[in-house]
Amino acid sequence: MRVADFKNYPDLLNNAVAMVGWAVRHVQSGHVIVAFDDRKNVMKELSMPFLEHISQSNRDERPQEDEEFAETEELLEEARRQREDLEAQLRAAIQRAEKAEASANAPVVRTRGAGSLAV
């Protein structure tokens, strides 16, 4: 307790709980907790049974997450294709509307017996 300057046991316990919570969140995220000696350029992994359990649980769940990710990617790709199709349909409709507007604004020449003729 003196080395870390904890004043009492509740202070020690609060810090320990906070550190365990931090470790759990990082291991759940797939991180490895290490101590790094920068003088020797050596890392040593923190190994504790509860962290190993969390890490193993993450590995067991990974195939399901990979399948869900693949399904999500397929859905996104289908949505992209549908968007591209809709954009193409919209461009075609705009072109038709522009052509219709251009023909509606074209001068009309009337001739006898032949009806009207757009020029």
PDB file of N, CA and C in Angstrom:
ATOM      1  N   MET A   1       0.830  -1.185   0.000  1.00  0.00           N
ATOM      2  CA  MET A   1       0.000   0.000   0.000  1.00  0.00           C
ATOM      3  C   MET A   1       0.874   1.248   0.000  1.00  0.00           C
ATOM      4  N   ARG A   2       2.009   1.188   0.651  1.00  0.00           N
ATOM      5  CA  ARG A   2       2.872   2.375   0.710  1.00  0.00           C
ATOM      6  C   ARG A   2       3.453   2.730  -0.654  1.00  0.00           C
ATOM      7  N   VAL A   3       3.857   1.707  -1.419  1.00  0.00           N
ATOM      8  CA  VAL A   3       4.477   1.950  -2.721  1.00  0.00           C
ATOM      9  C   VAL A   3       3.524   2.729  -3.637  1.00  0.00           C
ATOM     10  N   ALA A   4       2.251   2.378  -3.626  1.00  0.00           N
ATOM     11  CA  ALA A   4       1.257   3.050  -4.474  1.00  0.00           C
ATOM     12  C   ALA A   4       0.635   4.242  -3.773  1.00  0.00           C
ATOM     13  N   ASP A   5       1.009   4.499  -2.547  1.00  0.00           N
ATOM     14  CA  ASP A   5       0.515   5.631  -1.763  1.00  0.00           C
ATOM     15  C   ASP A   5      -0.999   5.558  -1.511  1.00  0.00           C
ATOM     16  N   PHE A   6      -1.498   4.315  -1.326  1.00  0.00           N
ATOM     17  CA  PHE A   6      -2.900   4.173  -0.931  1.00  0.00           C
ATOM     18  C   PHE A   6      -3.013   4.538   0.542  1.00  0.00           C
ATOM     19  N   LYS A   7      -4.004   5.327   0.868  1.00  0.00           N
ATOM     20  CA  LYS A   7      -4.172   5.797   2.254  1.00  0.00           C
ATOM     21  C   LYS A   7      -4.910   4.783   3.116  1.00  0.00           C
ATOM     22  N   ASN A   8      -5.760   3.969   2.456  1.00  0.00           N
ATOM     23  CA  ASN A   8      -6.554   2.999   3.211  1.00  0.00           C
ATOM     24  C   ASN A   8      -6.998   1.881   2.268  1.00  0.00           C
ATOM     25  N   TYR A   9      -7.633   0.871   2.831  1.00  0.00           N
ATOM     26  CA  TYR A   9      -8.055  -0.276   2.035  1.00  0.00           C
ATOM     27  C   TYR A   9      -9.172   0.067   1.041  1.00  0.00           C
ATOM     28  N   PRO A  10     -10.132   0.909   1.383  1.00  0.00           N
ATOM     29  CA  PRO A  10     -11.132   1.277   0.363  1.00  0.00           C
ATOM     30  C   PRO A  10     -10.492   1.940  -0.866  1.00  0.00           C
ATOM     31  N   ASP A  11      -9.449   2.743  -0.656  1.00  0.00           N
ATOM     32  CA  ASP A  11      -8.735   3.370  -1.769  1.00  0.00           C
ATOM     33  C   ASP A  11      -8.080   2.294  -2.645  1.00  0.00           C
ATOM     34  N   LEU A  12      -7.444   1.321  -1.996  1.00  0.00           N
ATOM     35  CA  LEU A  12      -6.840   0.200  -2.705  1.00  0.00           C
ATOM     36  C   LEU A  12      -7.901  -0.576  -3.482  1.00  0.00           C
ATOM     37  N   LEU A  13      -9.017  -0.897  -2.838  1.00  0.00           N
ATOM     38  CA  LEU A  13     -10.078  -1.671  -3.475  1.00  0.00           C
ATOM     39  C   LEU A  13     -10.686  -0.922  -4.658  1.00  0.00           C
ATOM     40  N   ASN A  14     -10.947   0.367  -4.510  1.00  0.00           N
ATOM     41  CA  ASN A  14     -11.512   1.154  -5.611  1.00  0.00           C
ATOM     42  C   ASN A  14     -10.589   1.144  -6.829  1.00  0.00           C
ATOM     43  N   ASN A  15      -9.310   1.304  -6.600  1.00  0.00           N
ATOM     44  CA  ASN A  15      -8.353   1.283  -7.704  1.00  0.00           C
ATOM     45  C   ASN A  15      -8.258  -0.101  -8.333  1.00  0.00           C
ATOM     46  N   ALA A  16      -8.292  -1.134  -7.512  1.00  0.00           N
ATOM     47  CA  ALA A  16      -8.230  -2.502  -8.035  1.00  0.00           C
ATOM     48  C   ALA A  16      -9.456  -2.804  -8.896  1.00  0.00           C
ATOM     49  N   VAL A  17     -10.635  -2.414  -8.430  1.00  0.00           N
ATOM     50  CA  VAL A  17     -11.863  -2.650  -9.203  1.00  0.00           C
ATOM     51  C   VAL A  17     -11.815  -1.874 -10.523  1.00  0.00           C
ATOM     52  N   ALA A  18     -11.348  -0.642 -10.480  1.00  0.00           N
ATOM     53  CA  ALA A  18     -11.234   0.157 -11.702  1.00  0.00           C
ATOM     54  C   ALA A  18     -10.266  -0.497 -12.683  1.00  0.00           C
ATOM     55  N   MET A  19      -9.153  -1.003 -12.182  1.00  0.00           N
ATOM     56  CA  MET A  19      -8.163  -1.630 -13.054  1.00  0.00           C
ATOM     57  C   MET A  19      -8.688  -2.932 -13.658  1.00  0.00           C
ATOM     58  N   VAL A  20      -9.393  -3.718 -12.871  1.00  0.00           N
ATOM     59  CA  VAL A  20      -9.980  -4.956 -13.388  1.00  0.00           C
ATOM     60  C   VAL A  20     -11.019  -4.621 -14.461  1.00  0.00           C
ATOM     61  N   GLY A  21     -11.850  -3.606 -14.216  1.00  0.00           N
ATOM     62  CA  GLY A  21     -12.833  -3.197 -15.219  1.00  0.00           C
ATOM     63  C   GLY A  21     -12.171  -2.778 -16.521  1.00  0.00           C
ATOM     64  N   TRP A  22     -11.093  -2.017 -16.411  1.00  0.00           N
ATOM     65  CA  TRP A  22     -10.337  -1.588 -17.586  1.00  0.00           C
ATOM     66  C   TRP A  22      -9.786  -2.798 -18.337  1.00  0.00           C
ATOM     67  N   ALA A  23      -9.205  -3.740 -17.605  1.00  0.00           N
ATOM     68  CA  ALA A  23      -8.627  -4.935 -18.217  1.00  0.00           C
ATOM     69  C   ALA A  23      -9.706  -5.759 -18.923  1.00  0.00           C
ATOM     70  N   VAL A  24     -10.843  -5.918 -18.289  1.00  0.00           N
ATOM     71  CA  VAL A  24     -11.941  -6.693 -18.889  1.00  0.00           C
ATOM     72  C   VAL A  24     -12.383  -6.050 -20.204  1.00  0.00           C
ATOM     73  N   ARG A  25     -12.584  -4.726 -20.201  1.00  0.00           N
ATOM     74  CA  ARG A  25     -13.025  -4.037 -21.428  1.00  0.00           C
ATOM     75  C   ARG A  25     -12.019  -4.226 -22.565  1.00  0.00           C
ATOM     76  N   HIS A  26     -10.739  -4.131 -22.251  1.00  0.00           N
ATOM     77  CA  HIS A  26      -9.725  -4.270 -23.291  1.00  0.00           C
ATOM     78  C   HIS A  26      -9.624  -5.699 -23.804  1.00  0.00           C
ATOM     79  N   VAL A  27      -9.688  -6.667 -22.929  1.00  0.00           N
ATOM     80  CA  VAL A  27      -9.618  -8.064 -23.367  1.00  0.00           C
ATOM     81  C   VAL A  27     -10.866  -8.412 -24.175  1.00  0.00           C
ATOM     82  N   GLN A  28     -12.030  -7.905 -23.780  1.00  0.00           N
ATOM     83  CA  GLN A  28     -13.252  -8.131 -24.562  1.00  0.00           C
ATOM     84  C   GLN A  28     -13.121  -7.528 -25.952  1.00  0.00           C
ATOM     85  N   SER A  29     -12.369  -6.449 -26.078  1.00  0.00           N
ATOM     86  CA  SER A  29     -12.162  -5.800 -27.375  1.00  0.00           C
ATOM     87  C   SER A  29     -11.101  -6.512 -28.210  1.00  0.00           C
ATOM     88  N   GLY A  30     -10.526  -7.565 -27.658  1.00  0.00           N
ATOM     89  CA  GLY A  30      -9.525  -8.324 -28.398  1.00  0.00           C
ATOM     90  C   GLY A  30      -8.096  -7.876 -28.159  1.00  0.00           C
ATOM     91  N   HIS A  31      -7.885  -6.997 -27.199  1.00  0.00           N
ATOM     92  CA  HIS A  31      -6.542  -6.523 -26.895  1.00  0.00           C
ATOM     93  C   HIS A  31      -5.828  -7.483 -25.953  1.00  0.00           C
ATOM     94  N   VAL A  32      -4.524  -7.393 -25.956  1.00  0.00           N
ATOM     95  CA  VAL A  32      -3.682  -8.151 -25.040  1.00  0.00           C
ATOM     96  C   VAL A  32      -3.029  -7.131 -24.109  1.00  0.00           C
ATOM     97  N   ILE A  33      -3.016  -7.407 -22.833  1.00  0.00           N
ATOM     98  CA  ILE A  33      -2.427  -6.495 -21.853  1.00  0.00           C
ATOM     99  C   ILE A  33      -1.012  -6.968 -21.562  1.00  0.00           C
ATOM    100  N   VAL A  34      -0.058  -6.055 -21.752  1.00  0.00           N
ATOM    101  CA  VAL A  34       1.345  -6.420 -21.579  1.00  0.00           C
ATOM    102  C   VAL A  34       2.072  -5.394 -20.729  1.00  0.00           C
ATOM    103  N   ALA A  35       3.184  -5.841 -20.159  1.00  0.00           N
ATOM    104  CA  ALA A  35       4.145  -4.936 -19.541  1.00  0.00           C
ATOM    105  C   ALA A  35       5.302  -4.854 -20.526  1.00  0.00           C
ATOM    106  N   PHE A  36       5.739  -3.634 -20.809  1.00  0.00           N
ATOM    107  CA  PHE A  36       6.794  -3.440 -21.802  1.00  0.00           C
ATOM    108  C   PHE A  36       8.026  -2.853 -21.135  1.00  0.00           C
ATOM    109  N   ASP A  37       9.161  -3.524 -21.321  1.00  0.00           N
ATOM    110  CA  ASP A  37      10.444  -3.030 -20.819  1.00  0.00           C
ATOM    111  C   ASP A  37      11.149  -2.359 -21.995  1.00  0.00           C
ATOM    112  N   ASP A  38      11.115  -1.034 -22.028  1.00  0.00           N
ATOM    113  CA  ASP A  38      11.670  -0.330 -23.189  1.00  0.00           C
ATOM    114  C   ASP A  38      13.197  -0.370 -23.237  1.00  0.00           C
ATOM    115  N   ARG A  39      13.851  -0.653 -22.112  1.00  0.00           N
ATOM    116  CA  ARG A  39      15.314  -0.776 -22.128  1.00  0.00           C
ATOM    117  C   ARG A  39      15.743  -2.050 -22.834  1.00  0.00           C
ATOM    118  N   LYS A  40      14.988  -3.129 -22.602  1.00  0.00           N
ATOM    119  CA  LYS A  40      15.326  -4.417 -23.213  1.00  0.00           C
ATOM    120  C   LYS A  40      14.465  -4.710 -24.444  1.00  0.00           C
ATOM    121  N   ASN A  41      13.490  -3.836 -24.696  1.00  0.00           N
ATOM    122  CA  ASN A  41      12.553  -4.023 -25.806  1.00  0.00           C
ATOM    123  C   ASN A  41      11.855  -5.385 -25.708  1.00  0.00           C
ATOM    124  N   VAL A  42      11.363  -5.684 -24.495  1.00  0.00           N
ATOM    125  CA  VAL A  42      10.718  -6.966 -24.222  1.00  0.00           C
ATOM    126  C   VAL A  42       9.317  -6.707 -23.676  1.00  0.00           C
ATOM    127  N   MET A  43       8.374  -7.531 -24.132  1.00  0.00           N
ATOM    128  CA  MET A  43       7.006  -7.456 -23.623  1.00  0.00           C
ATOM    129  C   MET A  43       6.680  -8.735 -22.871  1.00  0.00           C
ATOM    130  N   LYS A  44       5.889  -8.582 -21.810  1.00  0.00           N
ATOM    131  CA  LYS A  44       5.423  -9.744 -21.065  1.00  0.00           C
ATOM    132  C   LYS A  44       3.918  -9.585 -20.881  1.00  0.00           C
ATOM    133  N   GLU A  45       3.180 -10.599 -21.341  1.00  0.00           N
ATOM    134  CA  GLU A  45       1.720 -10.541 -21.271  1.00  0.00           C
ATOM    135  C   GLU A  45       1.231 -10.781 -19.850  1.00  0.00           C
ATOM    136  N   LEU A  46       0.236  -9.983 -19.457  1.00  0.00           N
ATOM    137  CA  LEU A  46      -0.420 -10.190 -18.172  1.00  0.00           C
ATOM    138  C   LEU A  46      -1.328 -11.405 -18.303  1.00  0.00           C
ATOM    139  N   SER A  47      -1.080 -12.400 -17.499  1.00  0.00           N
ATOM    140  CA  SER A  47      -1.851 -13.638 -17.575  1.00  0.00           C
ATOM    141  C   SER A  47      -2.553 -13.881 -16.247  1.00  0.00           C
ATOM    142  N   MET A  48      -3.881 -13.827 -16.298  1.00  0.00           N
ATOM    143  CA  MET A  48      -4.681 -14.092 -15.103  1.00  0.00           C
ATOM    144  C   MET A  48      -5.853 -14.966 -15.536  1.00  0.00           C
ATOM    145  N   PRO A  49      -6.277 -15.919 -14.704  1.00  0.00           N
ATOM    146  CA  PRO A  49      -7.337 -16.844 -15.116  1.00  0.00           C
ATOM    147  C   PRO A  49      -8.605 -16.144 -15.629  1.00  0.00           C
ATOM    148  N   PHE A  50      -9.060 -15.095 -14.974  1.00  0.00           N
ATOM    149  CA  PHE A  50     -10.304 -14.478 -15.422  1.00  0.00           C
ATOM    150  C   PHE A  50     -10.122 -13.794 -16.784  1.00  0.00           C
ATOM    151  N   LEU A  51      -8.927 -13.260 -17.048  1.00  0.00           N
ATOM    152  CA  LEU A  51      -8.674 -12.660 -18.361  1.00  0.00           C
ATOM    153  C   LEU A  51      -8.582 -13.733 -19.441  1.00  0.00           C
ATOM    154  N   GLU A  52      -7.976 -14.869 -19.110  1.00  0.00           N
ATOM    155  CA  GLU A  52      -7.916 -15.985 -20.053  1.00  0.00           C
ATOM    156  C   GLU A  52      -9.322 -16.478 -20.398  1.00  0.00           C
ATOM    157  N   HIS A  53     -10.191 -16.528 -19.392  1.00  0.00           N
ATOM    158  CA  HIS A  53     -11.576 -16.958 -19.613  1.00  0.00           C
ATOM    159  C   HIS A  53     -12.278 -16.004 -20.577  1.00  0.00           C
ATOM    160  N   ILE A  54     -12.113 -14.702 -20.366  1.00  0.00           N
ATOM    161  CA  ILE A  54     -12.743 -13.706 -21.242  1.00  0.00           C
ATOM    162  C   ILE A  54     -12.177 -13.820 -22.656  1.00  0.00           C
ATOM    163  N   SER A  55     -10.880 -13.973 -22.755  1.00  0.00           N
ATOM    164  CA  SER A  55     -10.229 -14.090 -24.061  1.00  0.00           C
ATOM    165  C   SER A  55     -10.734 -15.327 -24.807  1.00  0.00           C
ATOM    166  N   GLN A  56     -10.858 -16.452 -24.096  1.00  0.00           N
ATOM    167  CA  GLN A  56     -11.354 -17.688 -24.715  1.00  0.00           C
ATOM    168  C   GLN A  56     -12.802 -17.530 -25.146  1.00  0.00           C
ATOM    169  N   SER A  57     -13.607 -16.874 -24.328  1.00  0.00           N
ATOM    170  CA  SER A  57     -15.012 -16.638 -24.689  1.00  0.00           C
ATOM    171  C   SER A  57     -15.099 -15.812 -25.966  1.00  0.00           C
ATOM    172  N   ASN A  58     -14.222 -14.823 -26.107  1.00  0.00           N
ATOM    173  CA  ASN A  58     -14.197 -14.009 -27.325  1.00  0.00           C
ATOM    174  C   ASN A  58     -13.853 -14.853 -28.537  1.00  0.00           C
ATOM    175  N   ARG A  59     -12.897 -15.757 -28.396  1.00  0.00           N
ATOM    176  CA  ARG A  59     -12.520 -16.628 -29.522  1.00  0.00           C
ATOM    177  C   ARG A  59     -13.662 -17.560 -29.886  1.00  0.00           C
ATOM    178  N   ASP A  60     -14.414 -18.046 -28.876  1.00  0.00           N
ATOM    179  CA  ASP A  60     -15.543 -18.931 -29.147  1.00  0.00           C
ATOM    180  C   ASP A  60     -16.661 -18.204 -29.882  1.00  0.00           C
ATOM    181  N   GLU A  61     -16.855 -16.906 -29.595  1.00  0.00           N
ATOM    182  CA  GLU A  61     -17.919 -16.127 -30.220  1.00  0.00           C
ATOM    183  C   GLU A  61     -17.523 -15.588 -31.578  1.00  0.00           C
ATOM    184  N   ARG A  62     -16.253 -15.566 -31.912  1.00  0.00           N
ATOM    185  CA  ARG A  62     -15.771 -14.946 -33.143  1.00  0.00           C
ATOM    186  C   ARG A  62     -16.408 -15.536 -34.409  1.00  0.00           C
ATOM    187  N   PRO A  63     -16.564 -16.872 -34.557  1.00  0.00           N
ATOM    188  CA  PRO A  63     -17.181 -17.369 -35.792  1.00  0.00           C
ATOM    189  C   PRO A  63     -18.582 -16.812 -36.016  1.00  0.00           C
ATOM    190  N   GLN A  64     -19.385 -16.701 -34.959  1.00  0.00           N
ATOM    191  CA  GLN A  64     -20.730 -16.149 -35.104  1.00  0.00           C
ATOM    192  C   GLN A  64     -20.642 -14.685 -35.535  1.00  0.00           C
ATOM    193  N   GLU A  65     -19.723 -13.928 -34.943  1.00  0.00           N
ATOM    194  CA  GLU A  65     -19.558 -12.526 -35.322  1.00  0.00           C
ATOM    195  C   GLU A  65     -19.111 -12.424 -36.772  1.00  0.00           C
ATOM    196  N   ASP A  66     -18.216 -13.328 -37.216  1.00  0.00           N
ATOM    197  CA  ASP A  66     -17.759 -13.316 -38.601  1.00  0.00           C
ATOM    198  C   ASP A  66     -18.914 -13.588 -39.558  1.00  0.00           C
ATOM    199  N   GLU A  67     -19.792 -14.548 -39.194  1.00  0.00           N
ATOM    200  CA  GLU A  67     -20.958 -14.841 -40.021  1.00  0.00           C
ATOM    201  C   GLU A  67     -21.892 -13.638 -40.090  1.00  0.00           C
ATOM    202  N   GLU A  68     -22.118 -12.999 -38.940  1.00  0.00           N
ATOM    203  CA  GLU A  68     -22.981 -11.824 -38.915  1.00  0.00           C
ATOM    204  C   GLU A  68     -22.375 -10.699 -39.741  1.00  0.00           C
ATOM    205  N   PHE A  69     -21.056 -10.551 -39.680  1.00  0.00           N
ATOM    206  CA  PHE A  69     -20.376  -9.526 -40.463  1.00  0.00           C
ATOM    207  C   PHE A  69     -20.546  -9.812 -41.951  1.00  0.00           C
ATOM    208  N   ALA A  70     -20.378 -11.078 -42.356  1.00  0.00           N
ATOM    209  CA  ALA A  70     -20.530 -11.449 -43.765  1.00  0.00           C
ATOM    210  C   ALA A  70     -21.956 -11.176 -44.237  1.00  0.00           C
ATOM    211  N   GLU A  71     -22.946 -11.520 -43.410  1.00  0.00           N
ATOM    212  CA  GLU A  71     -24.343 -11.254 -43.770  1.00  0.00           C
ATOM    213  C   GLU A  71     -24.585  -9.755 -43.922  1.00  0.00           C
ATOM    214  N   THR A  72     -24.018  -8.971 -43.022  1.00  0.00           N
ATOM    215  CA  THR A  72     -24.165  -7.520 -43.099  1.00  0.00           C
ATOM    216  C   THR A  72     -23.513  -6.986 -44.368  1.00  0.00           C
ATOM    217  N   GLU A  73     -22.347  -7.497 -44.716  1.00  0.00           N
ATOM    218  CA  GLU A  73     -21.668  -7.069 -45.945  1.00  0.00           C
ATOM    219  C   GLU A  73     -22.515  -7.417 -47.170  1.00  0.00           C
ATOM    220  N   GLU A  74     -23.122  -8.600 -47.174  1.00  0.00           N
ATOM    221  CA  GLU A  74     -23.982  -8.996 -48.302  1.00  0.00           C
ATOM    222  C   GLU A  74     -25.181  -8.059 -48.408  1.00  0.00           C
ATOM    223  N   LEU A  75     -25.787  -7.723 -47.273  1.00  0.00           N
ATOM    224  CA  LEU A  75     -26.929  -6.809 -47.287  1.00  0.00           C
ATOM    225  C   LEU A  75     -26.516  -5.429 -47.789  1.00  0.00           C
ATOM    226  N   LEU A  76     -25.354  -4.967 -47.355  1.00  0.00           N
ATOM    227  CA  LEU A  76     -24.868  -3.672 -47.821  1.00  0.00           C
ATOM    228  C   LEU A  76     -24.612  -3.687 -49.327  1.00  0.00           C
ATOM    229  N   GLU A  77     -24.032  -4.757 -49.820  1.00  0.00           N
ATOM    230  CA  GLU A  77     -23.765  -4.862 -51.256  1.00  0.00           C
ATOM    231  C   GLU A  77     -25.080  -4.885 -52.048  1.00  0.00           C
ATOM    232  N   GLU A  78     -26.058  -5.598 -51.555  1.00  0.00           N
ATOM    233  CA  GLU A  78     -27.378  -5.619 -52.220  1.00  0.00           C
ATOM    234  C   GLU A  78     -27.994  -4.224 -52.203  1.00  0.00           C
ATOM    235  N   ALA A  79     -27.879  -3.519 -51.094  1.00  0.00           N
ATOM    236  CA  ALA A  79     -28.407  -2.152 -51.007  1.00  0.00           C
ATOM    237  C   ALA A  79     -27.685  -1.242 -52.000  1.00  0.00           C
ATOM    238  N   ARG A  80     -26.373  -1.413 -52.146  1.00  0.00           N
ATOM    239  CA  ARG A  80     -25.623  -0.610 -53.129  1.00  0.00           C
ATOM    240  C   ARG A  80     -26.116  -0.883 -54.542  1.00  0.00           C
ATOM    241  N   ARG A  81     -26.319  -2.162 -54.876  1.00  0.00           N
ATOM    242  CA  ARG A  81     -26.818  -2.512 -56.211  1.00  0.00           C
ATOM    243  C   ARG A  81     -28.194  -1.905 -56.450  1.00  0.00           C
ATOM    244  N   GLN A  82     -29.064  -2.006 -55.446  1.00  0.00           N
ATOM    245  CA  GLN A  82     -30.404  -1.424 -55.589  1.00  0.00           C
ATOM    246  C   GLN A  82     -30.327   0.086 -55.763  1.00  0.00           C
ATOM    247  N   ARG A  83     -29.452   0.739 -55.022  1.00  0.00           N
ATOM    248  CA  ARG A  83     -29.284   2.190 -55.169  1.00  0.00           C
ATOM    249  C   ARG A  83     -28.812   2.541 -56.572  1.00  0.00           C
ATOM    250  N   GLU A  84     -27.840   1.781 -57.093  1.00  0.00           N
ATOM    251  CA  GLU A  84     -27.341   2.030 -58.444  1.00  0.00           C
ATOM    252  C   GLU A  84     -28.452   1.834 -59.477  1.00  0.00           C
ATOM    253  N   ASP A  85     -29.262   0.798 -59.307  1.00  0.00           N
ATOM    254  CA  ASP A  85     -30.387   0.574 -60.222  1.00  0.00           C
ATOM    255  C   ASP A  85     -31.380   1.731 -60.172  1.00  0.00           C
ATOM    256  N   LEU A  86     -31.690   2.182 -58.964  1.00  0.00           N
ATOM    257  CA  LEU A  86     -32.627   3.298 -58.821  1.00  0.00           C
ATOM    258  C   LEU A  86     -32.057   4.584 -59.417  1.00  0.00           C
ATOM    259  N   GLU A  87     -30.765   4.797 -59.241  1.00  0.00           N
ATOM    260  CA  GLU A  87     -30.146   5.979 -59.826  1.00  0.00           C
ATOM    261  C   GLU A  87     -30.208   5.922 -61.350  1.00  0.00           C
ATOM    262  N   ALA A  88     -29.972   4.741 -61.924  1.00  0.00           N
ATOM    263  CA  ALA A  88     -30.054   4.580 -63.385  1.00  0.00           C
ATOM    264  C   ALA A  88     -31.485   4.829 -63.866  1.00  0.00           C
ATOM    265  N   GLN A  89     -32.458   4.299 -63.131  1.00  0.00           N
ATOM    266  CA  GLN A  89     -33.859   4.531 -63.505  1.00  0.00           C
ATOM    267  C   GLN A  89     -34.203   6.007 -63.412  1.00  0.00           C
ATOM    268  N   LEU A  90     -33.716   6.674 -62.395  1.00  0.00           N
ATOM    269  CA  LEU A  90     -33.977   8.103 -62.229  1.00  0.00           C
ATOM    270  C   LEU A  90     -33.342   8.905 -63.360  1.00  0.00           C
ATOM    271  N   ARG A  91     -32.102   8.570 -63.731  1.00  0.00           N
ATOM    272  CA  ARG A  91     -31.449   9.271 -64.848  1.00  0.00           C
ATOM    273  C   ARG A  91     -32.248   9.081 -66.138  1.00  0.00           C
ATOM    274  N   ALA A  92     -32.712   7.855 -66.385  1.00  0.00           N
ATOM    275  CA  ALA A  92     -33.496   7.578 -67.597  1.00  0.00           C
ATOM    276  C   ALA A  92     -34.809   8.367 -67.573  1.00  0.00           C
ATOM    277  N   ALA A  93     -35.458   8.435 -66.424  1.00  0.00           N
ATOM    278  CA  ALA A  93     -36.721   9.183 -66.321  1.00  0.00           C
ATOM    279  C   ALA A  93     -36.475  10.679 -66.551  1.00  0.00           C
ATOM    280  N   ILE A  94     -35.370  11.196 -66.036  1.00  0.00           N
ATOM    281  CA  ILE A  94     -35.044  12.615 -66.250  1.00  0.00           C
ATOM    282  C   ILE A  94     -34.791  12.882 -67.727  1.00  0.00           C
ATOM    283  N   GLN A  95     -34.077  11.974 -68.393  1.00  0.00           N
ATOM    284  CA  GLN A  95     -33.814  12.140 -69.829  1.00  0.00           C
ATOM    285  C   GLN A  95     -35.120  12.120 -70.622  1.00  0.00           C
ATOM    286  N   ARG A  96     -36.035  11.202 -70.277  1.00  0.00           N
ATOM    287  CA  ARG A  96     -37.336  11.140 -70.968  1.00  0.00           C
ATOM    288  C   ARG A  96     -38.110  12.439 -70.757  1.00  0.00           C
ATOM    289  N   ALA A  97     -38.091  12.932 -69.523  1.00  0.00           N
ATOM    290  CA  ALA A  97     -38.812  14.168 -69.211  1.00  0.00           C
ATOM    291  C   ALA A  97     -38.203  15.347 -69.970  1.00  0.00           C
ATOM    292  N   GLU A  98     -36.879  15.391 -70.047  1.00  0.00           N
ATOM    293  CA  GLU A  98     -36.230  16.473 -70.792  1.00  0.00           C
ATOM    294  C   GLU A  98     -36.560  16.408 -72.270  1.00  0.00           C
ATOM    295  N   LYS A  99     -36.594  15.185 -72.840  1.00  0.00           N
ATOM    296  CA  LYS A  99     -36.961  15.027 -74.254  1.00  0.00           C
ATOM    297  C   LYS A  99     -38.414  15.437 -74.474  1.00  0.00           C
ATOM    298  N   ALA A 100     -39.286  15.039 -73.557  1.00  0.00           N
ATOM    299  CA  ALA A 100     -40.702  15.394 -73.689  1.00  0.00           C
ATOM    300  C   ALA A 100     -40.875  16.907 -73.607  1.00  0.00           C
ATOM    301  N   GLU A 101     -40.152  17.540 -72.700  1.00  0.00           N
ATOM    302  CA  GLU A 101     -40.235  19.001 -72.567  1.00  0.00           C
ATOM    303  C   GLU A 101     -39.689  19.685 -73.812  1.00  0.00           C
ATOM    304  N   ALA A 102     -38.600  19.148 -74.361  1.00  0.00           N
ATOM    305  CA  ALA A 102     -38.025  19.731 -75.576  1.00  0.00           C
ATOM    306  C   ALA A 102     -38.998  19.609 -76.733  1.00  0.00           C
ATOM    307  N   SER A 103     -39.669  18.440 -76.888  1.00  0.00           N
ATOM    308  CA  SER A 103     -40.621  18.299 -77.985  1.00  0.00           C
ATOM    309  C   SER A 103     -41.865  19.143 -77.762  1.00  0.00           C
ATOM    310  N   ALA A 104     -42.236  19.352 -76.521  1.00  0.00           N
ATOM    311  CA  ALA A 104     -43.412  20.192 -76.249  1.00  0.00           C
ATOM    312  C   ALA A 104     -43.116  21.645 -76.588  1.00  0.00           C
ATOM    313  N   ASN A 105     -41.871  22.037 -76.461  1.00  0.00           N
ATOM    314  CA  ASN A 105     -41.487  23.417 -76.753  1.00  0.00           C
ATOM    315  C   ASN A 105     -41.055  23.619 -78.206  1.00  0.00           C
ATOM    316  N   ALA A 106     -41.003  22.546 -79.006  1.00  0.00           N
ATOM    317  CA  ALA A 106     -40.588  22.663 -80.412  1.00  0.00           C
ATOM    318  C   ALA A 106     -41.676  23.392 -81.198  1.00  0.00           C
ATOM    319  N   PRO A 107     -41.283  24.195 -82.178  1.00  0.00           N
ATOM    320  CA  PRO A 107     -42.283  24.901 -82.981  1.00  0.00           C
ATOM    321  C   PRO A 107     -43.111  23.907 -83.797  1.00  0.00           C
ATOM    322  N   VAL A 108     -44.360  24.214 -83.949  1.00  0.00           N
ATOM    323  CA  VAL A 108     -45.276  23.337 -84.687  1.00  0.00           C
ATOM    324  C   VAL A 108     -45.620  24.027 -86.018  1.00  0.00           C
ATOM    325  N   VAL A 109     -45.485  23.285 -87.115  1.00  0.00           N
ATOM    326  CA  VAL A 109     -45.837  23.791 -88.441  1.00  0.00           C
ATOM    327  C   VAL A 109     -47.063  23.046 -88.907  1.00  0.00           C
ATOM    328  N   ARG A 110     -48.078  23.772 -89.291  1.00  0.00           N
ATOM    329  CA  ARG A 110     -49.312  23.130 -89.747  1.00  0.00           C
ATOM    330  C   ARG A 110     -49.308  23.088 -91.276  1.00  0.00           C
ATOM    331  N   THR A 111     -49.661  21.960 -91.793  1.00  0.00           N
ATOM    332  CA  THR A 111     -49.802  21.809 -93.243  1.00  0.00           C
ATOM    333  C   THR A 111     -51.198  21.310 -93.535  1.00  0.00           C
ATOM    334  N   ARG A 112     -51.646  21.483 -94.751  1.00  0.00           N
ATOM    335  CA  ARG A 112     -53.001  21.044 -95.101  1.00  0.00           C
ATOM    336  C   ARG A 112     -53.076  19.550 -95.221  1.00  0.00           C
ATOM    337  N   GLY A 113     -54.027  18.986 -94.544  1.00  0.00           N
ATOM    338  CA  GLY A 113     -54.332  17.560 -94.667  1.00  0.00           C
ATOM    339  C   GLY A 113     -53.317  16.636 -94.019  1.00  0.00           C
ATOM    340  N   ALA A 114     -52.201  17.102 -93.569  1.00  0.00           N
ATOM    341  CA  ALA A 114     -51.208  16.206 -93.000  1.00  0.00           C
ATOM    342  C   ALA A 114     -51.155  16.317 -91.482  1.00  0.00           C
ATOM    343  N   GLY A 115     -51.996  17.113 -90.875  1.00  0.00           N
ATOM    344  CA  GLY A 115     -51.955  17.290 -89.423  1.00  0.00           C
ATOM    345  C   GLY A 115     -50.840  18.251 -89.052  1.00  0.00           C
ATOM    346  N   SER A 116     -50.307  18.090 -87.864  1.00  0.00           N
ATOM    347  CA  SER A 116     -49.233  18.986 -87.449  1.00  0.00           C
ATOM    348  C   SER A 116     -47.896  18.270 -87.541  1.00  0.00           C
ATOM    349  N   LEU A 117     -46.866  19.019 -87.695  1.00  0.00           N
ATOM    350  CA  LEU A 117     -45.533  18.469 -87.845  1.00  0.00           C
ATOM    351  C   LEU A 117     -44.594  19.277 -86.979  1.00  0.00           C
ATOM    352  N   ALA A 118     -43.906  18.638 -86.100  1.00  0.00           N
ATOM    353  CA  ALA A 118     -42.926  19.324 -85.272  1.00  0.00           C
ATOM    354  C   ALA A 118     -41.641  19.481 -86.059  1.00  0.00           C
ATOM    355  N   VAL A 119     -41.092  20.670 -86.024  1.00  0.00           N
ATOM    356  CA  VAL A 119     -39.874  20.940 -86.793  1.00  0.00           C
ATOM    357  C   VAL A 119     -38.743  21.246 -85.845  1.00  0.00           C
TER     358      VAL A 119
END
